[in-house]
Amino acid sequence: MVEAPLESAQSENPLLIGAGLPRSDRIEPEHVVPAVRKMLRDAEQRLAQIEQTAEPSWERTVAPLQEVGRAFERTWQPVQHLFGVKNSAALREAYETVLPEVVRFGLRVRQSRPIYEALRKMRDGEVWDELVPTRRRIVERRLLAAELSGVGLDGPERKRFNAIQQELSQLSTTFANQVLDATKAFELVLTERSDVEGLPESLRRLAADSYN
């Protein structure tokens, strides 16, 4: 497992910078595991606080949830992006190490009964008339996501649902890796001038250089 020292993860890790643009030029595979795990710990704590105070209120429930989501995306989205454009064995190892934890947290958020009930009461209560259309849409989408993610399931059914979601995420990652590997391995050798008729001269030179 690829992991950096705790001190580096907290003070120097580019995935934990809370403002500005992602520092993609500084992100290395060893940053992924400590950064994602710290982000998830912080998000879990904040989510527990939201659940304790959840009520049919935009300010008390939805706005704090959006803050948690933004913090999550600031760390996880750059990892996902680099996984697609700068894939390596080390990055794959780090990504696959934390992926089950990321999936588990996403399910944890969407399957939260206190939050779901608060959102449902917003939709069905008087406060609904006070919300602008954009906010209504956000609440509706969160309710739908919760329902499609098994918020109504209990016991063995929820356990089975979550296991399926974990399996789907692993299969999706495996497929993505295979596509990337196949793309990197693909080559098309052209030996006749007629094969490149119509291509700009600059592109012909580029193709020739890459072959040589």
N, C-alpha and C. Protein backbone atom coordinates (compact mmCIF):
# COMPACT_ATOMS: atom_id res chain seq x y z
N MET A 1 0.85 -1.20 0.00
CA MET A 1 0.00 0.00 0.00
C MET A 1 0.88 1.24 0.00
N VAL A 2 0.57 2.22 -0.83
CA VAL A 2 1.34 3.45 -0.94
C VAL A 2 0.80 4.47 0.03
N GLU A 3 1.63 4.89 0.98
CA GLU A 3 1.17 5.84 1.98
C GLU A 3 2.32 6.71 2.43
N ALA A 4 2.06 7.99 2.65
CA ALA A 4 3.07 8.94 3.08
C ALA A 4 2.99 9.12 4.58
N PRO A 5 4.08 9.65 5.20
CA PRO A 5 4.04 9.91 6.63
C PRO A 5 2.90 10.84 7.00
N LEU A 6 2.39 10.69 8.22
CA LEU A 6 1.25 11.47 8.67
C LEU A 6 1.54 12.96 8.61
N GLU A 7 2.74 13.37 9.01
CA GLU A 7 3.08 14.80 9.01
C GLU A 7 2.99 15.37 7.61
N SER A 8 3.53 14.61 6.63
CA SER A 8 3.45 15.06 5.25
C SER A 8 2.02 15.14 4.77
N ALA A 9 1.22 14.14 5.17
CA ALA A 9 -0.17 14.08 4.74
C ALA A 9 -0.95 15.29 5.20
N GLN A 10 -0.62 15.81 6.39
CA GLN A 10 -1.41 16.89 6.96
C GLN A 10 -0.89 18.27 6.60
N SER A 11 0.41 18.41 6.42
CA SER A 11 0.96 19.76 6.23
C SER A 11 1.47 20.01 4.82
N GLU A 12 1.83 18.98 4.07
CA GLU A 12 2.42 19.17 2.76
C GLU A 12 1.63 18.52 1.63
N ASN A 13 0.61 17.79 1.96
CA ASN A 13 -0.11 17.03 0.95
C ASN A 13 -0.92 17.95 0.05
N PRO A 14 -0.63 17.99 -1.25
CA PRO A 14 -1.35 18.89 -2.16
C PRO A 14 -2.83 18.55 -2.30
N LEU A 15 -3.22 17.34 -1.93
CA LEU A 15 -4.64 16.96 -2.00
C LEU A 15 -5.44 17.49 -0.83
N LEU A 16 -4.75 18.07 0.14
CA LEU A 16 -5.45 18.61 1.31
C LEU A 16 -5.45 20.13 1.35
N ILE A 17 -5.03 20.75 0.25
CA ILE A 17 -5.09 22.21 0.17
C ILE A 17 -6.55 22.63 0.05
N GLY A 18 -6.98 23.50 0.94
CA GLY A 18 -8.40 23.83 1.01
C GLY A 18 -8.86 24.98 0.16
N ALA A 19 -7.98 25.57 -0.63
CA ALA A 19 -8.38 26.72 -1.44
C ALA A 19 -7.58 26.73 -2.73
N GLY A 20 -8.10 27.47 -3.70
CA GLY A 20 -7.40 27.59 -4.97
C GLY A 20 -7.59 26.38 -5.87
N LEU A 21 -6.86 26.38 -6.97
CA LEU A 21 -6.95 25.30 -7.93
C LEU A 21 -6.16 24.08 -7.46
N PRO A 22 -6.54 22.89 -7.93
CA PRO A 22 -5.78 21.68 -7.57
C PRO A 22 -4.32 21.80 -8.03
N ARG A 23 -3.39 21.37 -7.19
CA ARG A 23 -1.97 21.39 -7.53
C ARG A 23 -1.59 20.08 -8.20
N SER A 24 -2.09 19.89 -9.40
CA SER A 24 -1.89 18.62 -10.10
C SER A 24 -0.42 18.32 -10.34
N ASP A 25 0.40 19.37 -10.49
CA ASP A 25 1.82 19.17 -10.75
C ASP A 25 2.56 18.62 -9.54
N ARG A 26 1.95 18.71 -8.37
CA ARG A 26 2.62 18.26 -7.15
C ARG A 26 2.04 16.95 -6.60
N ILE A 27 0.94 16.50 -7.14
CA ILE A 27 0.28 15.31 -6.60
C ILE A 27 1.02 14.05 -7.04
N GLU A 28 1.40 13.23 -6.07
CA GLU A 28 2.06 11.95 -6.32
C GLU A 28 1.22 10.82 -5.75
N PRO A 29 1.42 9.59 -6.22
CA PRO A 29 0.63 8.47 -5.71
C PRO A 29 0.67 8.32 -4.20
N GLU A 30 1.82 8.62 -3.59
CA GLU A 30 1.92 8.46 -2.13
C GLU A 30 1.09 9.46 -1.35
N HIS A 31 0.58 10.48 -2.02
CA HIS A 31 -0.29 11.46 -1.35
C HIS A 31 -1.73 10.96 -1.21
N VAL A 32 -2.11 10.01 -2.04
CA VAL A 32 -3.53 9.66 -2.18
C VAL A 32 -4.11 9.04 -0.91
N VAL A 33 -3.50 7.98 -0.41
CA VAL A 33 -4.08 7.26 0.72
C VAL A 33 -4.21 8.13 1.97
N PRO A 34 -3.13 8.81 2.41
CA PRO A 34 -3.29 9.63 3.62
C PRO A 34 -4.26 10.78 3.44
N ALA A 35 -4.28 11.39 2.25
CA ALA A 35 -5.18 12.52 2.04
C ALA A 35 -6.63 12.08 2.04
N VAL A 36 -6.93 11.03 1.31
CA VAL A 36 -8.31 10.56 1.23
C VAL A 36 -8.80 10.09 2.59
N ARG A 37 -7.95 9.40 3.33
CA ARG A 37 -8.38 8.91 4.63
C ARG A 37 -8.60 10.04 5.63
N LYS A 38 -7.75 11.06 5.57
CA LYS A 38 -7.98 12.21 6.46
C LYS A 38 -9.26 12.93 6.07
N MET A 39 -9.47 13.11 4.77
CA MET A 39 -10.69 13.75 4.31
C MET A 39 -11.93 12.97 4.76
N LEU A 40 -11.88 11.66 4.67
CA LEU A 40 -13.02 10.84 5.06
C LEU A 40 -13.26 10.89 6.56
N ARG A 41 -12.19 10.92 7.35
CA ARG A 41 -12.36 11.05 8.81
C ARG A 41 -13.05 12.36 9.15
N ASP A 42 -12.57 13.44 8.55
CA ASP A 42 -13.18 14.74 8.81
C ASP A 42 -14.64 14.76 8.34
N ALA A 43 -14.89 14.18 7.19
CA ALA A 43 -16.26 14.16 6.65
C ALA A 43 -17.19 13.34 7.52
N GLU A 44 -16.71 12.22 8.05
CA GLU A 44 -17.52 11.39 8.93
C GLU A 44 -17.91 12.15 10.19
N GLN A 45 -16.96 12.86 10.76
CA GLN A 45 -17.23 13.64 11.97
C GLN A 45 -18.27 14.73 11.68
N ARG A 46 -18.10 15.41 10.57
CA ARG A 46 -19.04 16.48 10.23
C ARG A 46 -20.41 15.91 9.92
N LEU A 47 -20.46 14.76 9.27
CA LEU A 47 -21.74 14.14 8.95
C LEU A 47 -22.48 13.74 10.22
N ALA A 48 -21.75 13.22 11.20
CA ALA A 48 -22.38 12.84 12.47
C ALA A 48 -22.98 14.06 13.16
N GLN A 49 -22.30 15.20 13.07
CA GLN A 49 -22.82 16.43 13.66
C GLN A 49 -24.10 16.87 12.94
N ILE A 50 -24.09 16.78 11.62
CA ILE A 50 -25.28 17.16 10.85
C ILE A 50 -26.46 16.27 11.21
N GLU A 51 -26.21 14.99 11.37
CA GLU A 51 -27.28 14.07 11.72
C GLU A 51 -27.88 14.40 13.08
N GLN A 52 -27.05 14.82 14.00
CA GLN A 52 -27.53 15.13 15.35
C GLN A 52 -28.44 16.35 15.37
N THR A 53 -28.20 17.28 14.45
CA THR A 53 -28.97 18.53 14.44
C THR A 53 -29.89 18.64 13.23
N ALA A 54 -30.03 17.56 12.47
CA ALA A 54 -30.81 17.61 11.22
C ALA A 54 -32.25 18.02 11.50
N GLU A 55 -32.73 18.96 10.71
CA GLU A 55 -34.12 19.41 10.78
C GLU A 55 -34.53 19.92 9.41
N PRO A 56 -35.81 20.12 9.17
CA PRO A 56 -36.27 20.57 7.84
C PRO A 56 -35.85 22.01 7.56
N SER A 57 -34.57 22.22 7.38
CA SER A 57 -34.03 23.56 7.20
C SER A 57 -32.87 23.51 6.22
N TRP A 58 -32.87 24.43 5.29
CA TRP A 58 -31.77 24.50 4.34
C TRP A 58 -30.47 24.80 5.07
N GLU A 59 -30.50 25.76 5.96
CA GLU A 59 -29.29 26.20 6.64
C GLU A 59 -28.74 25.14 7.59
N ARG A 60 -29.62 24.36 8.23
CA ARG A 60 -29.17 23.39 9.23
C ARG A 60 -28.84 22.02 8.64
N THR A 61 -29.34 21.74 7.44
CA THR A 61 -29.14 20.40 6.88
C THR A 61 -28.48 20.43 5.51
N VAL A 62 -29.10 21.09 4.55
CA VAL A 62 -28.59 21.02 3.17
C VAL A 62 -27.27 21.77 3.01
N ALA A 63 -27.20 22.99 3.52
CA ALA A 63 -25.97 23.77 3.38
C ALA A 63 -24.76 23.07 3.99
N PRO A 64 -24.87 22.54 5.22
CA PRO A 64 -23.73 21.80 5.78
C PRO A 64 -23.37 20.56 4.96
N LEU A 65 -24.37 19.88 4.41
CA LEU A 65 -24.09 18.72 3.56
C LEU A 65 -23.31 19.13 2.31
N GLN A 66 -23.65 20.28 1.76
CA GLN A 66 -22.94 20.75 0.58
C GLN A 66 -21.48 21.07 0.92
N GLU A 67 -21.24 21.59 2.12
CA GLU A 67 -19.87 21.87 2.54
C GLU A 67 -19.07 20.58 2.63
N VAL A 68 -19.69 19.54 3.19
CA VAL A 68 -19.03 18.24 3.26
C VAL A 68 -18.72 17.72 1.86
N GLY A 69 -19.68 17.88 0.96
CA GLY A 69 -19.49 17.42 -0.41
C GLY A 69 -18.37 18.16 -1.13
N ARG A 70 -18.27 19.46 -0.90
CA ARG A 70 -17.21 20.24 -1.54
C ARG A 70 -15.83 19.80 -1.04
N ALA A 71 -15.71 19.57 0.27
CA ALA A 71 -14.44 19.11 0.83
C ALA A 71 -14.07 17.74 0.27
N PHE A 72 -15.08 16.89 0.14
CA PHE A 72 -14.86 15.56 -0.42
C PHE A 72 -14.35 15.66 -1.86
N GLU A 73 -15.01 16.47 -2.67
CA GLU A 73 -14.65 16.58 -4.08
C GLU A 73 -13.29 17.23 -4.28
N ARG A 74 -12.91 18.15 -3.40
CA ARG A 74 -11.61 18.82 -3.55
C ARG A 74 -10.47 17.83 -3.43
N THR A 75 -10.68 16.78 -2.66
CA THR A 75 -9.64 15.76 -2.52
C THR A 75 -9.81 14.64 -3.54
N TRP A 76 -11.02 14.17 -3.72
CA TRP A 76 -11.24 12.97 -4.52
C TRP A 76 -11.25 13.23 -6.02
N GLN A 77 -11.79 14.35 -6.47
CA GLN A 77 -11.86 14.60 -7.92
C GLN A 77 -10.48 14.66 -8.58
N PRO A 78 -9.48 15.33 -7.99
CA PRO A 78 -8.15 15.30 -8.61
C PRO A 78 -7.58 13.89 -8.71
N VAL A 79 -7.86 13.06 -7.71
CA VAL A 79 -7.40 11.67 -7.76
C VAL A 79 -8.04 10.94 -8.93
N GLN A 80 -9.35 11.10 -9.08
CA GLN A 80 -10.05 10.46 -10.19
C GLN A 80 -9.53 10.95 -11.54
N HIS A 81 -9.27 12.26 -11.62
CA HIS A 81 -8.77 12.82 -12.88
C HIS A 81 -7.41 12.24 -13.23
N LEU A 82 -6.50 12.22 -12.27
CA LEU A 82 -5.16 11.70 -12.52
C LEU A 82 -5.20 10.21 -12.83
N PHE A 83 -6.14 9.51 -12.24
CA PHE A 83 -6.29 8.08 -12.52
C PHE A 83 -6.58 7.85 -14.00
N GLY A 84 -7.26 8.81 -14.62
CA GLY A 84 -7.59 8.68 -16.03
C GLY A 84 -6.52 9.19 -16.97
N VAL A 85 -5.77 10.22 -16.55
CA VAL A 85 -4.84 10.85 -17.49
C VAL A 85 -3.37 10.61 -17.16
N LYS A 86 -3.07 10.15 -15.95
CA LYS A 86 -1.68 9.90 -15.55
C LYS A 86 -1.60 8.59 -14.79
N ASN A 87 -2.20 7.59 -15.36
CA ASN A 87 -2.31 6.29 -14.70
C ASN A 87 -0.95 5.62 -14.58
N SER A 88 -0.72 4.98 -13.43
CA SER A 88 0.52 4.24 -13.20
C SER A 88 0.24 3.12 -12.22
N ALA A 89 1.17 2.20 -12.08
CA ALA A 89 0.98 1.09 -11.15
C ALA A 89 0.83 1.60 -9.72
N ALA A 90 1.64 2.59 -9.35
CA ALA A 90 1.58 3.13 -7.99
C ALA A 90 0.25 3.84 -7.74
N LEU A 91 -0.21 4.61 -8.74
CA LEU A 91 -1.48 5.31 -8.57
C LEU A 91 -2.64 4.33 -8.52
N ARG A 92 -2.58 3.29 -9.32
CA ARG A 92 -3.63 2.27 -9.27
C ARG A 92 -3.70 1.62 -7.89
N GLU A 93 -2.55 1.32 -7.33
CA GLU A 93 -2.52 0.69 -6.01
C GLU A 93 -3.15 1.60 -4.97
N ALA A 94 -2.77 2.88 -4.99
CA ALA A 94 -3.32 3.83 -4.03
C ALA A 94 -4.82 4.01 -4.23
N TYR A 95 -5.23 4.16 -5.48
CA TYR A 95 -6.64 4.36 -5.81
C TYR A 95 -7.48 3.18 -5.34
N GLU A 96 -7.02 1.98 -5.64
CA GLU A 96 -7.79 0.79 -5.29
C GLU A 96 -7.77 0.52 -3.78
N THR A 97 -6.77 1.07 -3.08
CA THR A 97 -6.73 0.93 -1.63
C THR A 97 -7.86 1.71 -0.96
N VAL A 98 -8.10 2.93 -1.44
CA VAL A 98 -9.09 3.79 -0.78
C VAL A 98 -10.47 3.73 -1.42
N LEU A 99 -10.57 3.15 -2.61
CA LEU A 99 -11.87 3.13 -3.30
C LEU A 99 -12.99 2.52 -2.46
N PRO A 100 -12.79 1.36 -1.81
CA PRO A 100 -13.87 0.81 -0.98
C PRO A 100 -14.30 1.75 0.13
N GLU A 101 -13.36 2.51 0.69
CA GLU A 101 -13.68 3.45 1.76
C GLU A 101 -14.49 4.63 1.22
N VAL A 102 -14.14 5.07 0.02
CA VAL A 102 -14.87 6.17 -0.62
C VAL A 102 -16.30 5.74 -0.94
N VAL A 103 -16.45 4.54 -1.49
CA VAL A 103 -17.79 4.02 -1.80
C VAL A 103 -18.60 3.87 -0.53
N ARG A 104 -17.97 3.37 0.52
CA ARG A 104 -18.67 3.17 1.80
C ARG A 104 -19.16 4.51 2.35
N PHE A 105 -18.34 5.54 2.24
CA PHE A 105 -18.76 6.85 2.75
C PHE A 105 -19.92 7.40 1.93
N GLY A 106 -19.86 7.26 0.61
CA GLY A 106 -20.96 7.73 -0.22
C GLY A 106 -22.27 7.07 0.14
N LEU A 107 -22.22 5.77 0.39
CA LEU A 107 -23.43 5.06 0.81
C LEU A 107 -23.88 5.52 2.19
N ARG A 108 -22.91 5.77 3.03
CA ARG A 108 -23.23 6.24 4.40
C ARG A 108 -24.02 7.55 4.34
N VAL A 109 -23.60 8.46 3.48
CA VAL A 109 -24.30 9.74 3.35
C VAL A 109 -25.71 9.54 2.82
N ARG A 110 -25.83 8.80 1.74
CA ARG A 110 -27.12 8.66 1.07
C ARG A 110 -28.09 7.78 1.85
N GLN A 111 -27.57 6.92 2.71
CA GLN A 111 -28.43 6.03 3.49
C GLN A 111 -28.72 6.56 4.90
N SER A 112 -28.34 7.80 5.15
CA SER A 112 -28.57 8.39 6.48
C SER A 112 -30.06 8.66 6.68
N ARG A 113 -30.65 7.99 7.63
CA ARG A 113 -32.08 8.17 7.89
C ARG A 113 -32.38 9.56 8.47
N PRO A 114 -31.59 10.07 9.43
CA PRO A 114 -31.89 11.41 9.95
C PRO A 114 -31.89 12.48 8.86
N ILE A 115 -30.92 12.40 7.97
CA ILE A 115 -30.85 13.39 6.89
C ILE A 115 -31.99 13.19 5.91
N TYR A 116 -32.29 11.96 5.57
CA TYR A 116 -33.38 11.68 4.64
C TYR A 116 -34.70 12.19 5.19
N GLU A 117 -34.96 11.95 6.47
CA GLU A 117 -36.22 12.40 7.07
C GLU A 117 -36.30 13.91 7.10
N ALA A 118 -35.17 14.58 7.37
CA ALA A 118 -35.17 16.04 7.37
C ALA A 118 -35.49 16.58 5.98
N LEU A 119 -34.90 15.98 4.96
CA LEU A 119 -35.15 16.41 3.59
C LEU A 119 -36.60 16.13 3.18
N ARG A 120 -37.10 14.99 3.58
CA ARG A 120 -38.48 14.63 3.24
C ARG A 120 -39.46 15.61 3.89
N LYS A 121 -39.19 15.99 5.13
CA LYS A 121 -40.06 16.95 5.81
C LYS A 121 -39.97 18.33 5.16
N MET A 122 -38.80 18.66 4.63
CA MET A 122 -38.68 19.92 3.89
C MET A 122 -39.60 19.89 2.67
N ARG A 123 -39.55 18.79 1.95
CA ARG A 123 -40.36 18.69 0.73
C ARG A 123 -41.85 18.70 1.04
N ASP A 124 -42.25 18.09 2.13
CA ASP A 124 -43.67 17.93 2.46
C ASP A 124 -44.20 19.02 3.39
N GLY A 125 -43.32 19.91 3.85
CA GLY A 125 -43.75 20.90 4.83
C GLY A 125 -43.91 22.30 4.27
N GLU A 126 -44.22 23.22 5.15
CA GLU A 126 -44.45 24.61 4.74
C GLU A 126 -43.19 25.28 4.23
N VAL A 127 -42.03 24.83 4.72
CA VAL A 127 -40.78 25.46 4.30
C VAL A 127 -40.55 25.31 2.80
N TRP A 128 -41.20 24.32 2.18
CA TRP A 128 -41.02 24.07 0.75
C TRP A 128 -41.41 25.28 -0.09
N ASP A 129 -42.45 25.97 0.31
CA ASP A 129 -42.92 27.13 -0.44
C ASP A 129 -41.94 28.30 -0.36
N GLU A 130 -41.06 28.27 0.63
CA GLU A 130 -40.10 29.35 0.81
C GLU A 130 -38.82 29.14 0.00
N LEU A 131 -38.63 27.94 -0.54
CA LEU A 131 -37.41 27.64 -1.28
C LEU A 131 -37.53 28.07 -2.73
N VAL A 132 -36.44 28.62 -3.26
CA VAL A 132 -36.40 28.95 -4.69
C VAL A 132 -36.33 27.64 -5.48
N PRO A 133 -36.70 27.66 -6.76
CA PRO A 133 -36.71 26.43 -7.56
C PRO A 133 -35.39 25.66 -7.55
N THR A 134 -34.28 26.38 -7.56
CA THR A 134 -32.98 25.70 -7.57
C THR A 134 -32.79 24.86 -6.32
N ARG A 135 -33.15 25.41 -5.18
CA ARG A 135 -32.99 24.67 -3.93
C ARG A 135 -33.98 23.51 -3.86
N ARG A 136 -35.16 23.71 -4.37
CA ARG A 136 -36.11 22.59 -4.41
C ARG A 136 -35.53 21.43 -5.23
N ARG A 137 -34.93 21.78 -6.35
CA ARG A 137 -34.35 20.75 -7.21
C ARG A 137 -33.24 19.99 -6.48
N ILE A 138 -32.43 20.71 -5.73
CA ILE A 138 -31.33 20.07 -4.99
C ILE A 138 -31.89 19.09 -3.97
N VAL A 139 -32.91 19.51 -3.24
CA VAL A 139 -33.52 18.63 -2.24
C VAL A 139 -34.12 17.40 -2.91
N GLU A 140 -34.83 17.61 -4.00
CA GLU A 140 -35.44 16.49 -4.72
C GLU A 140 -34.40 15.50 -5.22
N ARG A 141 -33.29 16.01 -5.72
CA ARG A 141 -32.24 15.13 -6.22
C ARG A 141 -31.59 14.34 -5.08
N ARG A 142 -31.44 14.99 -3.94
CA ARG A 142 -30.87 14.28 -2.79
C ARG A 142 -31.81 13.19 -2.29
N LEU A 143 -33.09 13.48 -2.28
CA LEU A 143 -34.06 12.46 -1.88
C LEU A 143 -34.05 11.28 -2.84
N LEU A 144 -34.00 11.57 -4.13
CA LEU A 144 -33.97 10.50 -5.12
C LEU A 144 -32.70 9.66 -4.98
N ALA A 145 -31.56 10.34 -4.78
CA ALA A 145 -30.30 9.62 -4.62
C ALA A 145 -30.35 8.70 -3.41
N ALA A 146 -30.96 9.19 -2.32
CA ALA A 146 -31.07 8.37 -1.12
C ALA A 146 -31.94 7.14 -1.37
N GLU A 147 -33.04 7.34 -2.04
CA GLU A 147 -33.96 6.23 -2.30
C GLU A 147 -33.35 5.20 -3.25
N LEU A 148 -32.59 5.67 -4.23
CA LEU A 148 -31.93 4.76 -5.16
C LEU A 148 -30.70 4.09 -4.54
N SER A 149 -30.25 4.62 -3.42
CA SER A 149 -29.07 4.07 -2.75
C SER A 149 -29.42 3.21 -1.54
N GLY A 150 -30.69 2.88 -1.39
CA GLY A 150 -31.07 1.93 -0.36
C GLY A 150 -31.38 2.49 1.00
N VAL A 151 -31.77 3.76 1.09
CA VAL A 151 -32.09 4.33 2.39
C VAL A 151 -33.25 3.60 3.05
N GLY A 152 -34.11 2.98 2.27
CA GLY A 152 -35.26 2.27 2.82
C GLY A 152 -34.98 0.83 3.18
N LEU A 153 -33.74 0.38 2.96
CA LEU A 153 -33.40 -1.01 3.25
C LEU A 153 -32.86 -1.16 4.67
N ASP A 154 -33.02 -2.35 5.23
CA ASP A 154 -32.51 -2.65 6.57
C ASP A 154 -31.86 -4.02 6.56
N GLY A 155 -31.03 -4.25 7.58
CA GLY A 155 -30.49 -5.57 7.84
C GLY A 155 -29.81 -6.22 6.64
N PRO A 156 -30.13 -7.49 6.37
CA PRO A 156 -29.48 -8.24 5.29
C PRO A 156 -29.65 -7.59 3.91
N GLU A 157 -30.80 -6.96 3.68
CA GLU A 157 -31.03 -6.34 2.37
C GLU A 157 -30.07 -5.17 2.14
N ARG A 158 -29.89 -4.35 3.17
CA ARG A 158 -28.95 -3.23 3.02
C ARG A 158 -27.52 -3.76 2.89
N LYS A 159 -27.17 -4.76 3.66
CA LYS A 159 -25.83 -5.34 3.58
C LYS A 159 -25.56 -5.87 2.19
N ARG A 160 -26.52 -6.56 1.61
CA ARG A 160 -26.37 -7.10 0.26
C ARG A 160 -26.27 -5.99 -0.77
N PHE A 161 -27.11 -4.97 -0.62
CA PHE A 161 -27.07 -3.83 -1.55
C PHE A 161 -25.69 -3.18 -1.52
N ASN A 162 -25.15 -2.94 -0.33
CA ASN A 162 -23.85 -2.29 -0.21
C ASN A 162 -22.74 -3.16 -0.79
N ALA A 163 -22.85 -4.47 -0.60
CA ALA A 163 -21.85 -5.37 -1.17
C ALA A 163 -21.87 -5.31 -2.70
N ILE A 164 -23.06 -5.21 -3.27
CA ILE A 164 -23.19 -5.10 -4.72
C ILE A 164 -22.56 -3.80 -5.21
N GLN A 165 -22.78 -2.71 -4.48
CA GLN A 165 -22.20 -1.43 -4.87
C GLN A 165 -20.68 -1.47 -4.83
N GLN A 166 -20.13 -2.13 -3.82
CA GLN A 166 -18.67 -2.28 -3.75
C GLN A 166 -18.15 -3.10 -4.93
N GLU A 167 -18.86 -4.16 -5.25
CA GLU A 167 -18.44 -5.00 -6.37
C GLU A 167 -18.51 -4.23 -7.68
N LEU A 168 -19.56 -3.44 -7.86
CA LEU A 168 -19.69 -2.65 -9.08
C LEU A 168 -18.54 -1.65 -9.22
N SER A 169 -18.16 -1.02 -8.13
CA SER A 169 -17.07 -0.04 -8.19
C SER A 169 -15.75 -0.73 -8.55
N GLN A 170 -15.52 -1.92 -8.00
CA GLN A 170 -14.30 -2.65 -8.32
C GLN A 170 -14.29 -3.10 -9.78
N LEU A 171 -15.42 -3.59 -10.27
CA LEU A 171 -15.50 -4.01 -11.67
C LEU A 171 -15.31 -2.83 -12.62
N SER A 172 -15.88 -1.68 -12.26
CA SER A 172 -15.73 -0.49 -13.07
C SER A 172 -14.27 -0.06 -13.15
N THR A 173 -13.56 -0.14 -12.01
CA THR A 173 -12.15 0.22 -11.98
C THR A 173 -11.32 -0.75 -12.81
N THR A 174 -11.61 -2.03 -12.68
CA THR A 174 -10.89 -3.04 -13.47
C THR A 174 -11.09 -2.81 -14.96
N PHE A 175 -12.32 -2.51 -15.35
CA PHE A 175 -12.62 -2.24 -16.76
C PHE A 175 -11.86 -1.00 -17.24
N ALA A 176 -11.85 0.06 -16.42
CA ALA A 176 -11.14 1.28 -16.80
C ALA A 176 -9.66 1.01 -16.98
N ASN A 177 -9.07 0.21 -16.09
CA ASN A 177 -7.66 -0.13 -16.22
C ASN A 177 -7.39 -0.90 -17.51
N GLN A 178 -8.27 -1.81 -17.85
CA GLN A 178 -8.09 -2.60 -19.06
C GLN A 178 -8.21 -1.74 -20.31
N VAL A 179 -9.13 -0.79 -20.29
CA VAL A 179 -9.27 0.13 -21.43
C VAL A 179 -8.02 0.97 -21.58
N LEU A 180 -7.49 1.49 -20.47
CA LEU A 180 -6.28 2.30 -20.52
C LEU A 180 -5.10 1.48 -21.04
N ASP A 181 -4.97 0.26 -20.55
CA ASP A 181 -3.87 -0.60 -20.99
C ASP A 181 -3.99 -0.91 -22.48
N ALA A 182 -5.20 -1.19 -22.93
CA ALA A 182 -5.40 -1.51 -24.34
C ALA A 182 -5.12 -0.29 -25.22
N THR A 183 -5.50 0.89 -24.73
CA THR A 183 -5.25 2.12 -25.49
C THR A 183 -3.76 2.38 -25.62
N LYS A 184 -3.03 2.18 -24.51
CA LYS A 184 -1.58 2.40 -24.55
C LYS A 184 -0.88 1.39 -25.46
N ALA A 185 -1.39 0.18 -25.49
CA ALA A 185 -0.75 -0.88 -26.27
C ALA A 185 -1.08 -0.81 -27.76
N PHE A 186 -2.12 -0.09 -28.11
CA PHE A 186 -2.56 -0.06 -29.51
C PHE A 186 -1.57 0.69 -30.38
N GLU A 187 -1.31 0.15 -31.57
CA GLU A 187 -0.51 0.86 -32.56
C GLU A 187 -1.01 0.50 -33.95
N LEU A 188 -0.85 1.44 -34.85
CA LEU A 188 -1.25 1.24 -36.25
C LEU A 188 -0.06 1.62 -37.12
N VAL A 189 0.52 0.65 -37.78
CA VAL A 189 1.70 0.87 -38.61
C VAL A 189 1.27 1.09 -40.06
N LEU A 190 1.61 2.24 -40.60
CA LEU A 190 1.29 2.59 -41.99
C LEU A 190 2.59 2.68 -42.77
N THR A 191 2.68 1.96 -43.86
CA THR A 191 3.92 1.91 -44.64
C THR A 191 3.78 2.48 -46.05
N GLU A 192 2.59 2.75 -46.48
CA GLU A 192 2.36 3.27 -47.83
C GLU A 192 1.90 4.73 -47.75
N ARG A 193 2.42 5.54 -48.70
CA ARG A 193 2.03 6.95 -48.72
C ARG A 193 0.53 7.09 -48.92
N SER A 194 -0.06 6.16 -49.63
CA SER A 194 -1.50 6.24 -49.87
C SER A 194 -2.30 6.10 -48.57
N ASP A 195 -1.67 5.48 -47.55
CA ASP A 195 -2.36 5.31 -46.28
C ASP A 195 -2.55 6.63 -45.53
N VAL A 196 -1.72 7.62 -45.88
CA VAL A 196 -1.78 8.89 -45.15
C VAL A 196 -2.19 10.04 -46.06
N GLU A 197 -2.74 9.73 -47.20
CA GLU A 197 -3.21 10.79 -48.09
C GLU A 197 -4.29 11.62 -47.40
N GLY A 198 -4.16 12.93 -47.53
CA GLY A 198 -5.14 13.82 -46.92
C GLY A 198 -4.73 14.32 -45.55
N LEU A 199 -3.72 13.69 -44.95
CA LEU A 199 -3.26 14.15 -43.64
C LEU A 199 -2.32 15.34 -43.81
N PRO A 200 -2.40 16.35 -42.95
CA PRO A 200 -1.48 17.48 -43.02
C PRO A 200 -0.03 17.02 -42.86
N GLU A 201 0.89 17.74 -43.47
CA GLU A 201 2.30 17.37 -43.39
C GLU A 201 2.80 17.36 -41.95
N SER A 202 2.30 18.31 -41.15
CA SER A 202 2.73 18.36 -39.75
C SER A 202 2.35 17.09 -39.00
N LEU A 203 1.15 16.57 -39.29
CA LEU A 203 0.70 15.34 -38.63
C LEU A 203 1.50 14.14 -39.13
N ARG A 204 1.89 14.15 -40.41
CA ARG A 204 2.71 13.07 -40.94
C ARG A 204 4.06 13.03 -40.24
N ARG A 205 4.68 14.20 -40.05
CA ARG A 205 5.98 14.25 -39.38
C ARG A 205 5.85 13.78 -37.93
N LEU A 206 4.77 14.19 -37.28
CA LEU A 206 4.56 13.76 -35.90
C LEU A 206 4.41 12.25 -35.81
N ALA A 207 3.65 11.67 -36.73
CA ALA A 207 3.47 10.22 -36.73
C ALA A 207 4.78 9.50 -37.02
N ALA A 208 5.57 10.04 -37.94
CA ALA A 208 6.85 9.43 -38.28
C ALA A 208 7.81 9.49 -37.09
N ASP A 209 7.82 10.61 -36.39
CA ASP A 209 8.70 10.75 -35.23
C ASP A 209 8.31 9.76 -34.13
N SER A 210 7.01 9.58 -33.92
CA SER A 210 6.56 8.67 -32.87
C SER A 210 6.90 7.22 -33.22
N TYR A 211 6.93 6.91 -34.52
CA TYR A 211 7.27 5.54 -34.95
C TYR A 211 8.76 5.28 -34.77
N ASN A 212 9.55 6.31 -35.08
CA ASN A 212 11.00 6.14 -34.97
C ASN A 212 11.43 6.16 -33.50
